[in-house]
PDB file of all heavy atoms in Angstrom:
ATOM      1  N   SER A   1       0.837  -1.211   0.000  1.00  0.00           N
ATOM      2  CA  SER A   1       0.000   0.000   0.000  1.00  0.00           C
ATOM      3  C   SER A   1       0.872   1.261   0.000  1.00  0.00           C
ATOM      4  O   SER A   1       0.499   2.267  -0.602  1.00  0.00           O
ATOM      5  CB  SER A   1      -0.956   0.003   1.194  1.00  0.00           C
ATOM      6  OG  SER A   1      -0.238   0.047   2.411  1.00  0.00           O
ATOM      7  N   VAL A   2       2.022   1.212   0.636  1.00  0.00           N
ATOM      8  CA  VAL A   2       2.931   2.361   0.645  1.00  0.00           C
ATOM      9  C   VAL A   2       3.547   2.525  -0.743  1.00  0.00           C
ATOM     10  O   VAL A   2       3.642   3.634  -1.269  1.00  0.00           O
ATOM     11  CB  VAL A   2       4.031   2.211   1.722  1.00  0.00           C
ATOM     12  CG1 VAL A   2       4.933   3.446   1.743  1.00  0.00           C
ATOM     13  CG2 VAL A   2       3.408   1.990   3.096  1.00  0.00           C
ATOM     14  N   LEU A   3       3.951   1.427  -1.355  1.00  0.00           N
ATOM     15  CA  LEU A   3       4.517   1.482  -2.709  1.00  0.00           C
ATOM     16  C   LEU A   3       3.499   2.024  -3.711  1.00  0.00           C
ATOM     17  O   LEU A   3       3.871   2.744  -4.635  1.00  0.00           O
ATOM     18  CB  LEU A   3       5.014   0.105  -3.149  1.00  0.00           C
ATOM     19  CG  LEU A   3       6.321  -0.334  -2.515  1.00  0.00           C
ATOM     20  CD1 LEU A   3       6.587  -1.807  -2.816  1.00  0.00           C
ATOM     21  CD2 LEU A   3       7.482   0.522  -2.986  1.00  0.00           C
ATOM     22  N   ALA A   4       2.222   1.697  -3.507  1.00  0.00           N
ATOM     23  CA  ALA A   4       1.181   2.195  -4.405  1.00  0.00           C
ATOM     24  C   ALA A   4       1.068   3.716  -4.332  1.00  0.00           C
ATOM     25  O   ALA A   4       0.725   4.363  -5.317  1.00  0.00           O
ATOM     26  CB  ALA A   4      -0.159   1.550  -4.065  1.00  0.00           C
ATOM     27  N   ARG A   5       1.380   4.287  -3.164  1.00  0.00           N
ATOM     28  CA  ARG A   5       1.332   5.749  -2.986  1.00  0.00           C
ATOM     29  C   ARG A   5       2.620   6.439  -3.426  1.00  0.00           C
ATOM     30  O   ARG A   5       2.656   7.664  -3.533  1.00  0.00           O
ATOM     31  CB  ARG A   5       1.101   6.089  -1.512  1.00  0.00           C
ATOM     32  CG  ARG A   5      -0.212   5.632  -0.952  1.00  0.00           C
ATOM     33  CD  ARG A   5      -0.510   6.187   0.447  1.00  0.00           C
ATOM     34  NE  ARG A   5       0.599   6.707   1.201  1.00  0.00           N
ATOM     35  CZ  ARG A   5       1.175   6.102   2.262  1.00  0.00           C
ATOM     36  NH1 ARG A   5       0.732   4.923   2.665  1.00  0.00           N
ATOM     37  NH2 ARG A   5       2.167   6.684   2.907  1.00  0.00           N
ATOM     38  N   LEU A   6       3.670   5.665  -3.658  1.00  0.00           N
ATOM     39  CA  LEU A   6       4.986   6.232  -3.921  1.00  0.00           C
ATOM     40  C   LEU A   6       5.081   6.963  -5.254  1.00  0.00           C
ATOM     41  O   LEU A   6       5.673   8.027  -5.342  1.00  0.00           O
ATOM     42  CB  LEU A   6       6.054   5.132  -3.854  1.00  0.00           C
ATOM     43  CG  LEU A   6       7.487   5.577  -4.061  1.00  0.00           C
ATOM     44  CD1 LEU A   6       7.928   6.548  -2.971  1.00  0.00           C
ATOM     45  CD2 LEU A   6       8.402   4.351  -4.083  1.00  0.00           C
ATOM     46  N   GLY A   7       4.509   6.385  -6.296  1.00  0.00           N
ATOM     47  CA  GLY A   7       4.691   6.962  -7.626  1.00  0.00           C
ATOM     48  C   GLY A   7       5.663   6.113  -8.425  1.00  0.00           C
ATOM     49  O   GLY A   7       5.951   4.976  -8.063  1.00  0.00           O
ATOM     50  N   PRO A   8       6.198   6.659  -9.520  1.00  0.00           N
ATOM     51  CA  PRO A   8       7.016   5.850 -10.432  1.00  0.00           C
ATOM     52  C   PRO A   8       8.303   5.341  -9.767  1.00  0.00           C
ATOM     53  O   PRO A   8       9.076   6.122  -9.204  1.00  0.00           O
ATOM     54  CB  PRO A   8       7.339   6.795 -11.586  1.00  0.00           C
ATOM     55  CG  PRO A   8       7.021   8.170 -11.111  1.00  0.00           C
ATOM     56  CD  PRO A   8       6.073   8.044  -9.967  1.00  0.00           C
ATOM     57  N   HIS A   9       8.469   4.025  -9.820  1.00  0.00           N
ATOM     58  CA  HIS A   9       9.639   3.391  -9.230  1.00  0.00           C
ATOM     59  C   HIS A   9       9.809   1.997  -9.818  1.00  0.00           C
ATOM     60  O   HIS A   9       8.909   1.492 -10.483  1.00  0.00           O
ATOM     61  CB  HIS A   9       9.483   3.288  -7.712  1.00  0.00           C
ATOM     62  CG  HIS A   9       8.383   2.359  -7.305  1.00  0.00           C
ATOM     63  ND1 HIS A   9       7.065   2.755  -7.240  1.00  0.00           N
ATOM     64  CD2 HIS A   9       8.394   1.038  -6.980  1.00  0.00           C
ATOM     65  CE1 HIS A   9       6.316   1.731  -6.872  1.00  0.00           C
ATOM     66  NE2 HIS A   9       7.100   0.667  -6.709  1.00  0.00           N
ATOM     67  N   GLN A  10      10.949   1.420  -9.552  1.00  0.00           N
ATOM     68  CA  GLN A  10      11.205   0.016  -9.860  1.00  0.00           C
ATOM     69  C   GLN A  10      11.743  -0.621  -8.593  1.00  0.00           C
ATOM     70  O   GLN A  10      12.286   0.072  -7.722  1.00  0.00           O
ATOM     71  CB  GLN A  10      12.214  -0.131 -11.000  1.00  0.00           C
ATOM     72  CG  GLN A  10      11.733   0.410 -12.320  1.00  0.00           C
ATOM     73  CD  GLN A  10      12.813   0.343 -13.392  1.00  0.00           C
ATOM     74  OE1 GLN A  10      13.988   0.142 -13.124  1.00  0.00           O
ATOM     75  NE2 GLN A  10      12.399   0.515 -14.629  1.00  0.00           N
ATOM     76  N   THR A  11      11.608  -1.931  -8.484  1.00  0.00           N
ATOM     77  CA  THR A  11      12.129  -2.629  -7.322  1.00  0.00           C
ATOM     78  C   THR A  11      13.009  -3.788  -7.746  1.00  0.00           C
ATOM     79  O   THR A  11      12.881  -4.313  -8.850  1.00  0.00           O
ATOM     80  CB  THR A  11      10.989  -3.172  -6.426  1.00  0.00           C
ATOM     81  OG1 THR A  11      10.201  -4.090  -7.179  1.00  0.00           O
ATOM     82  CG2 THR A  11      10.120  -2.049  -5.891  1.00  0.00           C
ATOM     83  N   GLY A  12      13.886  -4.156  -6.879  1.00  0.00           N
ATOM     84  CA  GLY A  12      14.727  -5.338  -7.015  1.00  0.00           C
ATOM     85  C   GLY A  12      14.840  -5.941  -5.634  1.00  0.00           C
ATOM     86  O   GLY A  12      14.236  -5.447  -4.681  1.00  0.00           O
ATOM     87  N   LYS A  13      15.620  -6.954  -5.489  1.00  0.00           N
ATOM     88  CA  LYS A  13      15.751  -7.623  -4.201  1.00  0.00           C
ATOM     89  C   LYS A  13      16.345  -6.655  -3.167  1.00  0.00           C
ATOM     90  O   LYS A  13      17.537  -6.404  -3.148  1.00  0.00           O
ATOM     91  CB  LYS A  13      16.644  -8.852  -4.333  1.00  0.00           C
ATOM     92  CG  LYS A  13      16.685  -9.689  -3.091  1.00  0.00           C
ATOM     93  CD  LYS A  13      17.479 -10.946  -3.307  1.00  0.00           C
ATOM     94  CE  LYS A  13      17.467 -11.757  -2.022  1.00  0.00           C
ATOM     95  NZ  LYS A  13      18.153 -13.014  -2.182  1.00  0.00           N
ATOM     96  N   GLY A  14      15.486  -6.086  -2.336  1.00  0.00           N
ATOM     97  CA  GLY A  14      15.926  -5.157  -1.311  1.00  0.00           C
ATOM     98  C   GLY A  14      16.295  -3.781  -1.827  1.00  0.00           C
ATOM     99  O   GLY A  14      16.832  -2.965  -1.085  1.00  0.00           O
ATOM    100  N   CYS A  15      16.015  -3.497  -3.116  1.00  0.00           N
ATOM    101  CA  CYS A  15      16.391  -2.204  -3.701  1.00  0.00           C
ATOM    102  C   CYS A  15      15.171  -1.498  -4.276  1.00  0.00           C
ATOM    103  O   CYS A  15      14.313  -2.121  -4.902  1.00  0.00           O
ATOM    104  CB  CYS A  15      17.400  -2.380  -4.834  1.00  0.00           C
ATOM    105  SG  CYS A  15      18.972  -3.055  -4.313  1.00  0.00           S
ATOM    106  N   LEU A  16      15.141  -0.199  -4.071  1.00  0.00           N
ATOM    107  CA  LEU A  16      14.129   0.663  -4.660  1.00  0.00           C
ATOM    108  C   LEU A  16      14.856   1.608  -5.600  1.00  0.00           C
ATOM    109  O   LEU A  16      15.827   2.259  -5.200  1.00  0.00           O
ATOM    110  CB  LEU A  16      13.424   1.459  -3.553  1.00  0.00           C
ATOM    111  CG  LEU A  16      12.383   2.477  -3.976  1.00  0.00           C
ATOM    112  CD1 LEU A  16      11.173   1.783  -4.598  1.00  0.00           C
ATOM    113  CD2 LEU A  16      11.949   3.307  -2.768  1.00  0.00           C
ATOM    114  N   TYR A  17      14.423   1.658  -6.855  1.00  0.00           N
ATOM    115  CA  TYR A  17      15.071   2.488  -7.875  1.00  0.00           C
ATOM    116  C   TYR A  17      14.158   3.657  -8.225  1.00  0.00           C
ATOM    117  O   TYR A  17      13.012   3.454  -8.622  1.00  0.00           O
ATOM    118  CB  TYR A  17      15.328   1.663  -9.145  1.00  0.00           C
ATOM    119  CG  TYR A  17      16.217   0.469  -8.919  1.00  0.00           C
ATOM    120  CD1 TYR A  17      15.672  -0.782  -8.643  1.00  0.00           C
ATOM    121  CD2 TYR A  17      17.596   0.592  -8.982  1.00  0.00           C
ATOM    122  CE1 TYR A  17      16.487  -1.882  -8.439  1.00  0.00           C
ATOM    123  CE2 TYR A  17      18.423  -0.503  -8.782  1.00  0.00           C
ATOM    124  CZ  TYR A  17      17.850  -1.738  -8.507  1.00  0.00           C
ATOM    125  OH  TYR A  17      18.668  -2.828  -8.300  1.00  0.00           O
ATOM    126  N   LEU A  18      14.694   4.872  -8.087  1.00  0.00           N
ATOM    127  CA  LEU A  18      13.944   6.077  -8.413  1.00  0.00           C
ATOM    128  C   LEU A  18      14.711   6.869  -9.458  1.00  0.00           C
ATOM    129  O   LEU A  18      15.924   7.049  -9.340  1.00  0.00           O
ATOM    130  CB  LEU A  18      13.767   6.956  -7.169  1.00  0.00           C
ATOM    131  CG  LEU A  18      13.134   6.315  -5.940  1.00  0.00           C
ATOM    132  CD1 LEU A  18      13.099   7.311  -4.791  1.00  0.00           C
ATOM    133  CD2 LEU A  18      11.737   5.807  -6.259  1.00  0.00           C
ATOM    134  N   LYS A  19      13.992   7.375 -10.456  1.00  0.00           N
ATOM    135  CA  LYS A  19      14.634   8.230 -11.462  1.00  0.00           C
ATOM    136  C   LYS A  19      14.929   9.609 -10.877  1.00  0.00           C
ATOM    137  O   LYS A  19      16.032  10.112 -10.980  1.00  0.00           O
ATOM    138  CB  LYS A  19      13.739   8.388 -12.696  1.00  0.00           C
ATOM    139  CG  LYS A  19      13.722   7.187 -13.594  1.00  0.00           C
ATOM    140  CD  LYS A  19      14.910   7.226 -14.514  1.00  0.00           C
ATOM    141  CE  LYS A  19      14.731   6.142 -15.577  1.00  0.00           C
ATOM    142  NZ  LYS A  19      15.933   5.964 -16.350  1.00  0.00           N
ATOM    143  N   HIS A  20      13.888  10.226 -10.297  1.00  0.00           N
ATOM    144  CA  HIS A  20      14.033  11.571  -9.751  1.00  0.00           C
ATOM    145  C   HIS A  20      13.236  11.684  -8.459  1.00  0.00           C
ATOM    146  O   HIS A  20      12.094  11.222  -8.393  1.00  0.00           O
ATOM    147  CB  HIS A  20      13.548  12.628 -10.747  1.00  0.00           C
ATOM    148  CG  HIS A  20      14.261  12.575 -12.050  1.00  0.00           C
ATOM    149  ND1 HIS A  20      15.582  12.921 -12.197  1.00  0.00           N
ATOM    150  CD2 HIS A  20      13.834  12.193 -13.271  1.00  0.00           C
ATOM    151  CE1 HIS A  20      15.940  12.752 -13.450  1.00  0.00           C
ATOM    152  NE2 HIS A  20      14.899  12.309 -14.132  1.00  0.00           N
ATOM    153  N   LEU A  21      13.787  12.320  -7.484  1.00  0.00           N
ATOM    154  CA  LEU A  21      13.144  12.453  -6.181  1.00  0.00           C
ATOM    155  C   LEU A  21      11.831  13.228  -6.266  1.00  0.00           C
ATOM    156  O   LEU A  21      10.880  12.916  -5.557  1.00  0.00           O
ATOM    157  CB  LEU A  21      14.116  13.142  -5.219  1.00  0.00           C
ATOM    158  CG  LEU A  21      13.985  12.838  -3.745  1.00  0.00           C
ATOM    159  CD1 LEU A  21      13.945  11.352  -3.461  1.00  0.00           C
ATOM    160  CD2 LEU A  21      15.096  13.506  -2.975  1.00  0.00           C
ATOM    161  N   ASP A  22      11.755  14.220  -7.150  1.00  0.00           N
ATOM    162  CA  ASP A  22      10.532  15.006  -7.265  1.00  0.00           C
ATOM    163  C   ASP A  22       9.377  14.248  -7.904  1.00  0.00           C
ATOM    164  O   ASP A  22       8.238  14.713  -7.853  1.00  0.00           O
ATOM    165  CB  ASP A  22      10.787  16.297  -8.052  1.00  0.00           C
ATOM    166  CG  ASP A  22      11.555  17.327  -7.250  1.00  0.00           C
ATOM    167  OD1 ASP A  22      11.525  17.261  -5.999  1.00  0.00           O
ATOM    168  OD2 ASP A  22      12.183  18.207  -7.859  1.00  0.00           O
ATOM    169  N   ASP A  23       9.646  13.099  -8.500  1.00  0.00           N
ATOM    170  CA  ASP A  23       8.601  12.310  -9.158  1.00  0.00           C
ATOM    171  C   ASP A  23       7.832  11.422  -8.189  1.00  0.00           C
ATOM    172  O   ASP A  23       6.828  10.824  -8.577  1.00  0.00           O
ATOM    173  CB  ASP A  23       9.196  11.428 -10.255  1.00  0.00           C
ATOM    174  CG  ASP A  23       9.774  12.236 -11.408  1.00  0.00           C
ATOM    175  OD1 ASP A  23       9.458  13.438 -11.514  1.00  0.00           O
ATOM    176  OD2 ASP A  23      10.540  11.652 -12.197  1.00  0.00           O
ATOM    177  N   VAL A  24       8.301  11.307  -6.957  1.00  0.00           N
ATOM    178  CA  VAL A  24       7.676  10.371  -6.017  1.00  0.00           C
ATOM    179  C   VAL A  24       7.104  11.117  -4.815  1.00  0.00           C
ATOM    180  O   VAL A  24       7.510  12.243  -4.513  1.00  0.00           O
ATOM    181  CB  VAL A  24       8.671   9.288  -5.529  1.00  0.00           C
ATOM    182  CG1 VAL A  24       9.157   8.449  -6.701  1.00  0.00           C
ATOM    183  CG2 VAL A  24       9.834   9.882  -4.767  1.00  0.00           C
ATOM    184  N   GLY A  25       6.186  10.444  -4.140  1.00  0.00           N
ATOM    185  CA  GLY A  25       5.596  10.998  -2.927  1.00  0.00           C
ATOM    186  C   GLY A  25       6.575  10.899  -1.767  1.00  0.00           C
ATOM    187  O   GLY A  25       6.965   9.803  -1.374  1.00  0.00           O
ATOM    188  N   HIS A  26       6.971  12.045  -1.237  1.00  0.00           N
ATOM    189  CA  HIS A  26       7.973  12.055  -0.168  1.00  0.00           C
ATOM    190  C   HIS A  26       7.457  11.415   1.111  1.00  0.00           C
ATOM    191  O   HIS A  26       8.236  10.788   1.840  1.00  0.00           O
ATOM    192  CB  HIS A  26       8.464  13.474   0.082  1.00  0.00           C
ATOM    193  CG  HIS A  26       9.321  13.975  -1.043  1.00  0.00           C
ATOM    194  ND1 HIS A  26      10.224  14.978  -0.877  1.00  0.00           N
ATOM    195  CD2 HIS A  26       9.429  13.599  -2.343  1.00  0.00           C
ATOM    196  CE1 HIS A  26      10.853  15.206  -2.025  1.00  0.00           C
ATOM    197  NE2 HIS A  26      10.360  14.386  -2.932  1.00  0.00           N
ATOM    198  N   ASP A  27       6.166  11.558   1.408  1.00  0.00           N
ATOM    199  CA  ASP A  27       5.617  10.920   2.612  1.00  0.00           C
ATOM    200  C   ASP A  27       5.729   9.399   2.505  1.00  0.00           C
ATOM    201  O   ASP A  27       6.107   8.731   3.469  1.00  0.00           O
ATOM    202  CB  ASP A  27       4.160  11.327   2.845  1.00  0.00           C
ATOM    203  CG  ASP A  27       4.021  12.775   3.299  1.00  0.00           C
ATOM    204  OD1 ASP A  27       5.031  13.363   3.748  1.00  0.00           O
ATOM    205  OD2 ASP A  27       2.902  13.317   3.188  1.00  0.00           O
ATOM    206  N   ALA A  28       5.404   8.852   1.341  1.00  0.00           N
ATOM    207  CA  ALA A  28       5.501   7.409   1.145  1.00  0.00           C
ATOM    208  C   ALA A  28       6.961   6.957   1.208  1.00  0.00           C
ATOM    209  O   ALA A  28       7.272   5.923   1.815  1.00  0.00           O
ATOM    210  CB  ALA A  28       4.873   7.000  -0.192  1.00  0.00           C
ATOM    211  N   LEU A  29       7.864   7.713   0.607  1.00  0.00           N
ATOM    212  CA  LEU A  29       9.282   7.367   0.646  1.00  0.00           C
ATOM    213  C   LEU A  29       9.802   7.386   2.081  1.00  0.00           C
ATOM    214  O   LEU A  29      10.494   6.460   2.518  1.00  0.00           O
ATOM    215  CB  LEU A  29      10.096   8.318  -0.232  1.00  0.00           C
ATOM    216  CG  LEU A  29      11.606   8.066  -0.274  1.00  0.00           C
ATOM    217  CD1 LEU A  29      11.919   6.659  -0.769  1.00  0.00           C
ATOM    218  CD2 LEU A  29      12.273   9.116  -1.162  1.00  0.00           C
ATOM    219  N   ARG A  30       9.458   8.411   2.825  1.00  0.00           N
ATOM    220  CA  ARG A  30       9.877   8.497   4.235  1.00  0.00           C
ATOM    221  C   ARG A  30       9.354   7.309   5.026  1.00  0.00           C
ATOM    222  O   ARG A  30      10.065   6.744   5.855  1.00  0.00           O
ATOM    223  CB  ARG A  30       9.382   9.797   4.869  1.00  0.00           C
ATOM    224  CG  ARG A  30      10.024  11.049   4.319  1.00  0.00           C
ATOM    225  CD  ARG A  30       9.427  12.303   4.960  1.00  0.00           C
ATOM    226  NE  ARG A  30       9.866  12.402   6.332  1.00  0.00           N
ATOM    227  CZ  ARG A  30      11.016  12.956   6.699  1.00  0.00           C
ATOM    228  NH1 ARG A  30      11.824  13.463   5.800  1.00  0.00           N
ATOM    229  NH2 ARG A  30      11.354  12.998   7.965  1.00  0.00           N
ATOM    230  N   GLU A  31       8.107   6.924   4.755  1.00  0.00           N
ATOM    231  CA  GLU A  31       7.512   5.793   5.465  1.00  0.00           C
ATOM    232  C   GLU A  31       8.248   4.493   5.138  1.00  0.00           C
ATOM    233  O   GLU A  31       8.520   3.682   6.034  1.00  0.00           O
ATOM    234  CB  GLU A  31       6.028   5.671   5.118  1.00  0.00           C
ATOM    235  CG  GLU A  31       5.320   4.595   5.914  1.00  0.00           C
ATOM    236  CD  GLU A  31       3.823   4.553   5.671  1.00  0.00           C
ATOM    237  OE1 GLU A  31       3.251   5.529   5.146  1.00  0.00           O
ATOM    238  OE2 GLU A  31       3.219   3.518   6.023  1.00  0.00           O
ATOM    239  N   LEU A  32       8.589   4.283   3.873  1.00  0.00           N
ATOM    240  CA  LEU A  32       9.327   3.076   3.497  1.00  0.00           C
ATOM    241  C   LEU A  32      10.690   3.012   4.193  1.00  0.00           C
ATOM    242  O   LEU A  32      11.087   1.957   4.710  1.00  0.00           O
ATOM    243  CB  LEU A  32       9.528   3.011   1.986  1.00  0.00           C
ATOM    244  CG  LEU A  32       8.320   2.638   1.156  1.00  0.00           C
ATOM    245  CD1 LEU A  32       8.601   2.882  -0.321  1.00  0.00           C
ATOM    246  CD2 LEU A  32       7.942   1.178   1.403  1.00  0.00           C
TER     247      LEU A  32
END
């Protein structure tokens, strides 16, 4: 549910990949 609020991202084993910080929800990122 937190990832759904995050915005554009990719995941890998234990890794979260973001293109740009402004493209994602900072509250969701902080929570993760």
